[in-house]
Amino acid sequence: MDYEEMEKMSLEESKRQTKERKEIGLNMIRPFTYDEKKLLWDGLREDNKTLHELAMEGFNEEQTLRRIEEKQELSLIEERNGF
């Protein structure tokens, strides 16, 4: 086998691997692992909610937690200042 044939085989193999990575990994730098894919899809299917509905639930929970933290901080400040 001469140098040109080896180079051609190497190029073809590289192209095949690149195509496979794009198909499997959605052209990402690091494709999702099986567990990550399962976690994503199970989360999206939860209660048959849309992605927007799930995102809004998370947003609302975050806002609620922020309000609770702010109230706790205010009560600590009031206690320190004797209010």
PDB file of N, CA and C in Angstrom:
ATOM      1  N   MET A   1       0.848  -1.174   0.000  1.00  0.00           N
ATOM      2  CA  MET A   1       0.000   0.000   0.000  1.00  0.00           C
ATOM      3  C   MET A   1       0.898   1.243   0.000  1.00  0.00           C
ATOM      4  N   ASP A   2       0.676   2.109  -0.920  1.00  0.00           N
ATOM      5  CA  ASP A   2       1.525   3.287  -0.979  1.00  0.00           C
ATOM      6  C   ASP A   2       0.917   4.435  -0.170  1.00  0.00           C
ATOM      7  N   TYR A   3       1.674   5.486  -0.080  1.00  0.00           N
ATOM      8  CA  TYR A   3       1.317   6.632   0.750  1.00  0.00           C
ATOM      9  C   TYR A   3      -0.019   7.252   0.334  1.00  0.00           C
ATOM     10  N   GLU A   4      -0.253   7.396  -0.958  1.00  0.00           N
ATOM     11  CA  GLU A   4      -1.489   8.024  -1.441  1.00  0.00           C
ATOM     12  C   GLU A   4      -2.720   7.200  -1.080  1.00  0.00           C
ATOM     13  N   GLU A   5      -2.628   5.882  -1.169  1.00  0.00           N
ATOM     14  CA  GLU A   5      -3.758   5.021  -0.807  1.00  0.00           C
ATOM     15  C   GLU A   5      -4.051   5.125   0.686  1.00  0.00           C
ATOM     16  N   MET A   6      -2.995   5.150   1.505  1.00  0.00           N
ATOM     17  CA  MET A   6      -3.182   5.284   2.954  1.00  0.00           C
ATOM     18  C   MET A   6      -3.819   6.635   3.291  1.00  0.00           C
ATOM     19  N   GLU A   7      -3.365   7.669   2.618  1.00  0.00           N
ATOM     20  CA  GLU A   7      -3.915   9.006   2.846  1.00  0.00           C
ATOM     21  C   GLU A   7      -5.400   9.048   2.470  1.00  0.00           C
ATOM     22  N   LYS A   8      -5.735   8.437   1.347  1.00  0.00           N
ATOM     23  CA  LYS A   8      -7.123   8.395   0.898  1.00  0.00           C
ATOM     24  C   LYS A   8      -7.989   7.623   1.887  1.00  0.00           C
ATOM     25  N   MET A   9      -7.509   6.488   2.381  1.00  0.00           N
ATOM     26  CA  MET A   9      -8.260   5.693   3.357  1.00  0.00           C
ATOM     27  C   MET A   9      -8.443   6.470   4.657  1.00  0.00           C
ATOM     28  N   SER A  10      -7.411   7.175   5.068  1.00  0.00           N
ATOM     29  CA  SER A  10      -7.477   7.973   6.289  1.00  0.00           C
ATOM     30  C   SER A  10      -8.513   9.088   6.161  1.00  0.00           C
ATOM     31  N   LEU A  11      -8.520   9.747   5.013  1.00  0.00           N
ATOM     32  CA  LEU A  11      -9.486  10.818   4.762  1.00  0.00           C
ATOM     33  C   LEU A  11     -10.916  10.280   4.771  1.00  0.00           C
ATOM     34  N   GLU A  12     -11.121   9.142   4.114  1.00  0.00           N
ATOM     35  CA  GLU A  12     -12.455   8.539   4.089  1.00  0.00           C
ATOM     36  C   GLU A  12     -12.914   8.153   5.493  1.00  0.00           C
ATOM     37  N   GLU A  13     -12.016   7.594   6.284  1.00  0.00           N
ATOM     38  CA  GLU A  13     -12.351   7.207   7.652  1.00  0.00           C
ATOM     39  C   GLU A  13     -12.673   8.444   8.491  1.00  0.00           C
ATOM     40  N   SER A  14     -11.914   9.490   8.310  1.00  0.00           N
ATOM     41  CA  SER A  14     -12.156  10.735   9.029  1.00  0.00           C
ATOM     42  C   SER A  14     -13.528  11.311   8.679  1.00  0.00           C
ATOM     43  N   LYS A  15     -13.866  11.299   7.394  1.00  0.00           N
ATOM     44  CA  LYS A  15     -15.176  11.792   6.961  1.00  0.00           C
ATOM     45  C   LYS A  15     -16.293  10.946   7.544  1.00  0.00           C
ATOM     46  N   ARG A  16     -16.107   9.611   7.560  1.00  0.00           N
ATOM     47  CA  ARG A  16     -17.112   8.720   8.116  1.00  0.00           C
ATOM     48  C   ARG A  16     -17.328   8.997   9.611  1.00  0.00           C
ATOM     49  N   GLN A  17     -16.235   9.177  10.347  1.00  0.00           N
ATOM     50  CA  GLN A  17     -16.340   9.447  11.771  1.00  0.00           C
ATOM     51  C   GLN A  17     -17.004  10.797  12.034  1.00  0.00           C
ATOM     52  N   THR A  18     -16.666  11.788  11.226  1.00  0.00           N
ATOM     53  CA  THR A  18     -17.279  13.105  11.371  1.00  0.00           C
ATOM     54  C   THR A  18     -18.785  13.029  11.127  1.00  0.00           C
ATOM     55  N   LYS A  19     -19.174  12.333  10.081  1.00  0.00           N
ATOM     56  CA  LYS A  19     -20.598  12.178   9.767  1.00  0.00           C
ATOM     57  C   LYS A  19     -21.312  11.458  10.907  1.00  0.00           C
ATOM     58  N   GLU A  20     -20.686  10.427  11.453  1.00  0.00           N
ATOM     59  CA  GLU A  20     -21.289   9.673  12.560  1.00  0.00           C
ATOM     60  C   GLU A  20     -21.449  10.558  13.792  1.00  0.00           C
ATOM     61  N   ARG A  21     -20.442  11.376  14.101  1.00  0.00           N
ATOM     62  CA  ARG A  21     -20.531  12.281  15.252  1.00  0.00           C
ATOM     63  C   ARG A  21     -21.659  13.284  15.072  1.00  0.00           C
ATOM     64  N   LYS A  22     -21.805  13.808  13.858  1.00  0.00           N
ATOM     65  CA  LYS A  22     -22.866  14.778  13.596  1.00  0.00           C
ATOM     66  C   LYS A  22     -24.238  14.150  13.763  1.00  0.00           C
ATOM     67  N   GLU A  23     -24.396  12.923  13.299  1.00  0.00           N
ATOM     68  CA  GLU A  23     -25.686  12.250  13.400  1.00  0.00           C
ATOM     69  C   GLU A  23     -26.021  11.900  14.846  1.00  0.00           C
ATOM     70  N   ILE A  24     -25.052  11.375  15.563  1.00  0.00           N
ATOM     71  CA  ILE A  24     -25.290  10.930  16.934  1.00  0.00           C
ATOM     72  C   ILE A  24     -25.311  12.106  17.898  1.00  0.00           C
ATOM     73  N   GLY A  25     -24.344  12.996  17.783  1.00  0.00           N
ATOM     74  CA  GLY A  25     -24.163  14.054  18.760  1.00  0.00           C
ATOM     75  C   GLY A  25     -24.807  15.364  18.398  1.00  0.00           C
ATOM     76  N   LEU A  26     -25.593  15.412  17.356  1.00  0.00           N
ATOM     77  CA  LEU A  26     -26.245  16.641  16.926  1.00  0.00           C
ATOM     78  C   LEU A  26     -25.230  17.754  16.718  1.00  0.00           C
ATOM     79  N   ASN A  27     -24.020  17.363  16.255  1.00  0.00           N
ATOM     80  CA  ASN A  27     -22.938  18.298  15.955  1.00  0.00           C
ATOM     81  C   ASN A  27     -22.499  19.101  17.180  1.00  0.00           C
ATOM     82  N   MET A  28     -22.568  18.476  18.341  1.00  0.00           N
ATOM     83  CA  MET A  28     -22.140  19.137  19.567  1.00  0.00           C
ATOM     84  C   MET A  28     -20.666  18.821  19.821  1.00  0.00           C
ATOM     85  N   ILE A  29     -20.020  19.635  20.629  1.00  0.00           N
ATOM     86  CA  ILE A  29     -18.625  19.381  20.978  1.00  0.00           C
ATOM     87  C   ILE A  29     -18.520  18.060  21.731  1.00  0.00           C
ATOM     88  N   ARG A  30     -19.393  17.882  22.726  1.00  0.00           N
ATOM     89  CA  ARG A  30     -19.434  16.629  23.474  1.00  0.00           C
ATOM     90  C   ARG A  30     -20.868  16.138  23.449  1.00  0.00           C
ATOM     91  N   PRO A  31     -21.111  15.014  22.790  1.00  0.00           N
ATOM     92  CA  PRO A  31     -22.491  14.513  22.719  1.00  0.00           C
ATOM     93  C   PRO A  31     -23.027  14.155  24.102  1.00  0.00           C
ATOM     94  N   PHE A  32     -24.358  14.184  24.246  1.00  0.00           N
ATOM     95  CA  PHE A  32     -24.974  13.788  25.496  1.00  0.00           C
ATOM     96  C   PHE A  32     -24.687  12.327  25.778  1.00  0.00           C
ATOM     97  N   THR A  33     -24.512  12.002  27.034  1.00  0.00           N
ATOM     98  CA  THR A  33     -24.408  10.600  27.414  1.00  0.00           C
ATOM     99  C   THR A  33     -25.821  10.019  27.415  1.00  0.00           C
ATOM    100  N   TYR A  34     -25.905   8.713  27.526  1.00  0.00           N
ATOM    101  CA  TYR A  34     -27.221   8.073  27.562  1.00  0.00           C
ATOM    102  C   TYR A  34     -28.039   8.610  28.736  1.00  0.00           C
ATOM    103  N   ASP A  35     -27.418   8.721  29.901  1.00  0.00           N
ATOM    104  CA  ASP A  35     -28.139   9.208  31.086  1.00  0.00           C
ATOM    105  C   ASP A  35     -28.624  10.640  30.904  1.00  0.00           C
ATOM    106  N   GLU A  36     -27.807  11.487  30.271  1.00  0.00           N
ATOM    107  CA  GLU A  36     -28.221  12.870  30.037  1.00  0.00           C
ATOM    108  C   GLU A  36     -29.410  12.929  29.076  1.00  0.00           C
ATOM    109  N   LYS A  37     -29.355  12.125  28.007  1.00  0.00           N
ATOM    110  CA  LYS A  37     -30.487  12.084  27.072  1.00  0.00           C
ATOM    111  C   LYS A  37     -31.751  11.635  27.780  1.00  0.00           C
ATOM    112  N   LYS A  38     -31.644  10.582  28.596  1.00  0.00           N
ATOM    113  CA  LYS A  38     -32.807  10.058  29.304  1.00  0.00           C
ATOM    114  C   LYS A  38     -33.373  11.109  30.253  1.00  0.00           C
ATOM    115  N   LEU A  39     -32.515  11.799  30.968  1.00  0.00           N
ATOM    116  CA  LEU A  39     -32.951  12.838  31.886  1.00  0.00           C
ATOM    117  C   LEU A  39     -33.691  13.950  31.148  1.00  0.00           C
ATOM    118  N   LEU A  40     -33.148  14.374  30.020  1.00  0.00           N
ATOM    119  CA  LEU A  40     -33.805  15.426  29.237  1.00  0.00           C
ATOM    120  C   LEU A  40     -35.175  14.986  28.731  1.00  0.00           C
ATOM    121  N   TRP A  41     -35.239  13.803  28.114  1.00  0.00           N
ATOM    122  CA  TRP A  41     -36.498  13.360  27.534  1.00  0.00           C
ATOM    123  C   TRP A  41     -37.533  13.023  28.599  1.00  0.00           C
ATOM    124  N   ASP A  42     -37.115  12.427  29.717  1.00  0.00           N
ATOM    125  CA  ASP A  42     -38.059  12.148  30.798  1.00  0.00           C
ATOM    126  C   ASP A  42     -38.605  13.449  31.363  1.00  0.00           C
ATOM    127  N   GLY A  43     -37.734  14.450  31.478  1.00  0.00           N
ATOM    128  CA  GLY A  43     -38.181  15.749  31.996  1.00  0.00           C
ATOM    129  C   GLY A  43     -39.160  16.430  31.058  1.00  0.00           C
ATOM    130  N   LEU A  44     -38.941  16.304  29.769  1.00  0.00           N
ATOM    131  CA  LEU A  44     -39.841  16.939  28.809  1.00  0.00           C
ATOM    132  C   LEU A  44     -41.195  16.240  28.764  1.00  0.00           C
ATOM    133  N   ARG A  45     -41.202  14.945  29.032  1.00  0.00           N
ATOM    134  CA  ARG A  45     -42.454  14.194  28.969  1.00  0.00           C
ATOM    135  C   ARG A  45     -43.252  14.273  30.264  1.00  0.00           C
ATOM    136  N   GLU A  46     -42.658  14.822  31.300  1.00  0.00           N
ATOM    137  CA  GLU A  46     -43.294  14.880  32.607  1.00  0.00           C
ATOM    138  C   GLU A  46     -44.648  15.597  32.519  1.00  0.00           C
ATOM    139  N   ASP A  47     -45.678  14.924  32.933  1.00  0.00           N
ATOM    140  CA  ASP A  47     -47.042  15.477  32.982  1.00  0.00           C
ATOM    141  C   ASP A  47     -47.533  15.999  31.637  1.00  0.00           C
ATOM    142  N   ASN A  48     -46.950  15.554  30.552  1.00  0.00           N
ATOM    143  CA  ASN A  48     -47.334  15.986  29.206  1.00  0.00           C
ATOM    144  C   ASN A  48     -47.357  17.507  29.073  1.00  0.00           C
ATOM    145  N   LYS A  49     -46.402  18.169  29.702  1.00  0.00           N
ATOM    146  CA  LYS A  49     -46.327  19.629  29.635  1.00  0.00           C
ATOM    147  C   LYS A  49     -45.368  20.028  28.523  1.00  0.00           C
ATOM    148  N   THR A  50     -45.609  21.210  27.999  1.00  0.00           N
ATOM    149  CA  THR A  50     -44.706  21.719  26.971  1.00  0.00           C
ATOM    150  C   THR A  50     -43.443  22.253  27.636  1.00  0.00           C
ATOM    151  N   LEU A  51     -42.433  22.470  26.836  1.00  0.00           N
ATOM    152  CA  LEU A  51     -41.183  23.017  27.357  1.00  0.00           C
ATOM    153  C   LEU A  51     -41.421  24.399  27.971  1.00  0.00           C
ATOM    154  N   HIS A  52     -42.276  25.189  27.356  1.00  0.00           N
ATOM    155  CA  HIS A  52     -42.586  26.519  27.875  1.00  0.00           C
ATOM    156  C   HIS A  52     -43.242  26.416  29.251  1.00  0.00           C
ATOM    157  N   GLU A  53     -44.186  25.507  29.402  1.00  0.00           N
ATOM    158  CA  GLU A  53     -44.860  25.345  30.688  1.00  0.00           C
ATOM    159  C   GLU A  53     -43.879  24.923  31.784  1.00  0.00           C
ATOM    160  N   LEU A  54     -42.973  24.002  31.451  1.00  0.00           N
ATOM    161  CA  LEU A  54     -41.978  23.584  32.428  1.00  0.00           C
ATOM    162  C   LEU A  54     -41.039  24.735  32.790  1.00  0.00           C
ATOM    163  N   ALA A  55     -40.652  25.517  31.787  1.00  0.00           N
ATOM    164  CA  ALA A  55     -39.767  26.656  32.043  1.00  0.00           C
ATOM    165  C   ALA A  55     -40.468  27.691  32.923  1.00  0.00           C
ATOM    166  N   MET A  56     -41.743  27.925  32.682  1.00  0.00           N
ATOM    167  CA  MET A  56     -42.495  28.888  33.499  1.00  0.00           C
ATOM    168  C   MET A  56     -42.635  28.391  34.932  1.00  0.00           C
ATOM    169  N   GLU A  57     -42.832  27.091  35.122  1.00  0.00           N
ATOM    170  CA  GLU A  57     -42.893  26.543  36.475  1.00  0.00           C
ATOM    171  C   GLU A  57     -41.581  26.800  37.205  1.00  0.00           C
ATOM    172  N   GLY A  58     -40.473  26.532  36.525  1.00  0.00           N
ATOM    173  CA  GLY A  58     -39.166  26.784  37.122  1.00  0.00           C
ATOM    174  C   GLY A  58     -38.965  28.254  37.442  1.00  0.00           C
ATOM    175  N   PHE A  59     -39.389  29.127  36.540  1.00  0.00           N
ATOM    176  CA  PHE A  59     -39.267  30.561  36.760  1.00  0.00           C
ATOM    177  C   PHE A  59     -40.081  30.980  37.975  1.00  0.00           C
ATOM    178  N   ASN A  60     -41.322  30.499  38.065  1.00  0.00           N
ATOM    179  CA  ASN A  60     -42.182  30.858  39.200  1.00  0.00           C
ATOM    180  C   ASN A  60     -41.614  30.346  40.514  1.00  0.00           C
ATOM    181  N   GLU A  61     -41.060  29.129  40.510  1.00  0.00           N
ATOM    182  CA  GLU A  61     -40.444  28.591  41.725  1.00  0.00           C
ATOM    183  C   GLU A  61     -39.255  29.447  42.140  1.00  0.00           C
ATOM    184  N   GLU A  62     -38.468  29.858  41.169  1.00  0.00           N
ATOM    185  CA  GLU A  62     -37.311  30.700  41.453  1.00  0.00           C
ATOM    186  C   GLU A  62     -37.744  32.037  42.054  1.00  0.00           C
ATOM    187  N   GLN A  63     -38.789  32.640  41.516  1.00  0.00           N
ATOM    188  CA  GLN A  63     -39.282  33.900  42.048  1.00  0.00           C
ATOM    189  C   GLN A  63     -39.781  33.735  43.480  1.00  0.00           C
ATOM    190  N   THR A  64     -40.485  32.635  43.742  1.00  0.00           N
ATOM    191  CA  THR A  64     -40.985  32.364  45.089  1.00  0.00           C
ATOM    192  C   THR A  64     -39.821  32.211  46.067  1.00  0.00           C
ATOM    193  N   LEU A  65     -38.796  31.465  45.672  1.00  0.00           N
ATOM    194  CA  LEU A  65     -37.630  31.287  46.537  1.00  0.00           C
ATOM    195  C   LEU A  65     -36.923  32.611  46.796  1.00  0.00           C
ATOM    196  N   ARG A  66     -36.841  33.467  45.793  1.00  0.00           N
ATOM    197  CA  ARG A  66     -36.211  34.783  45.986  1.00  0.00           C
ATOM    198  C   ARG A  66     -37.004  35.625  46.976  1.00  0.00           C
ATOM    199  N   ARG A  67     -38.329  35.607  46.873  1.00  0.00           N
ATOM    200  CA  ARG A  67     -39.156  36.370  47.827  1.00  0.00           C
ATOM    201  C   ARG A  67     -38.957  35.869  49.249  1.00  0.00           C
ATOM    202  N   ILE A  68     -38.911  34.550  49.425  1.00  0.00           N
ATOM    203  CA  ILE A  68     -38.709  33.967  50.753  1.00  0.00           C
ATOM    204  C   ILE A  68     -37.349  34.386  51.307  1.00  0.00           C
ATOM    205  N   GLU A  69     -36.305  34.311  50.472  1.00  0.00           N
ATOM    206  CA  GLU A  69     -34.971  34.710  50.914  1.00  0.00           C
ATOM    207  C   GLU A  69     -34.927  36.188  51.281  1.00  0.00           C
ATOM    208  N   GLU A  70     -35.598  37.037  50.502  1.00  0.00           N
ATOM    209  CA  GLU A  70     -35.621  38.467  50.800  1.00  0.00           C
ATOM    210  C   GLU A  70     -36.318  38.725  52.127  1.00  0.00           C
ATOM    211  N   LYS A  71     -37.433  38.034  52.390  1.00  0.00           N
ATOM    212  CA  LYS A  71     -38.144  38.196  53.662  1.00  0.00           C
ATOM    213  C   LYS A  71     -37.267  37.764  54.826  1.00  0.00           C
ATOM    214  N   GLN A  72     -36.542  36.652  54.656  1.00  0.00           N
ATOM    215  CA  GLN A  72     -35.653  36.181  55.714  1.00  0.00           C
ATOM    216  C   GLN A  72     -34.533  37.185  55.969  1.00  0.00           C
ATOM    217  N   GLU A  73     -33.966  37.742  54.909  1.00  0.00           N
ATOM    218  CA  GLU A  73     -32.910  38.732  55.064  1.00  0.00           C
ATOM    219  C   GLU A  73     -33.446  39.981  55.760  1.00  0.00           C
ATOM    220  N   LEU A  74     -34.628  40.432  55.384  1.00  0.00           N
ATOM    221  CA  LEU A  74     -35.218  41.603  56.020  1.00  0.00           C
ATOM    222  C   LEU A  74     -35.483  41.364  57.497  1.00  0.00           C
ATOM    223  N   SER A  75     -35.984  40.173  57.826  1.00  0.00           N
ATOM    224  CA  SER A  75     -36.271  39.892  59.241  1.00  0.00           C
ATOM    225  C   SER A  75     -34.968  39.833  60.042  1.00  0.00           C
ATOM    226  N   LEU A  76     -33.890  39.296  59.463  1.00  0.00           N
ATOM    227  CA  LEU A  76     -32.600  39.306  60.158  1.00  0.00           C
ATOM    228  C   LEU A  76     -32.086  40.723  60.383  1.00  0.00           C
ATOM    229  N   ILE A  77     -32.232  41.557  59.379  1.00  0.00           N
ATOM    230  CA  ILE A  77     -31.803  42.955  59.495  1.00  0.00           C
ATOM    231  C   ILE A  77     -32.619  43.663  60.563  1.00  0.00           C
ATOM    232  N   GLU A  78     -33.929  43.440  60.563  1.00  0.00           N
ATOM    233  CA  GLU A  78     -34.797  44.058  61.565  1.00  0.00           C
ATOM    234  C   GLU A  78     -34.438  43.599  62.978  1.00  0.00           C
ATOM    235  N   GLU A  79     -34.121  42.318  63.128  1.00  0.00           N
ATOM    236  CA  GLU A  79     -33.728  41.799  64.444  1.00  0.00           C
ATOM    237  C   GLU A  79     -32.435  42.447  64.920  1.00  0.00           C
ATOM    238  N   ARG A  80     -31.474  42.596  64.013  1.00  0.00           N
ATOM    239  CA  ARG A  80     -30.202  43.209  64.369  1.00  0.00           C
ATOM    240  C   ARG A  80     -30.367  44.679  64.743  1.00  0.00           C
ATOM    241  N   ASN A  81     -31.282  45.355  64.061  1.00  0.00           N
ATOM    242  CA  ASN A  81     -31.473  46.783  64.295  1.00  0.00           C
ATOM    243  C   ASN A  81     -32.512  47.064  65.373  1.00  0.00           C
ATOM    244  N   GLY A  82     -33.146  46.004  65.882  1.00  0.00           N
ATOM    245  CA  GLY A  82     -34.095  46.181  66.979  1.00  0.00           C
ATOM    246  C   GLY A  82     -35.459  46.691  66.543  1.00  0.00           C
ATOM    247  N   PHE A  83     -35.900  46.387  65.340  1.00  0.00           N
ATOM    248  CA  PHE A  83     -37.225  46.835  64.881  1.00  0.00           C
ATOM    249  C   PHE A  83     -38.267  45.859  65.260  1.00  0.00           C
TER     250      PHE A  83
END
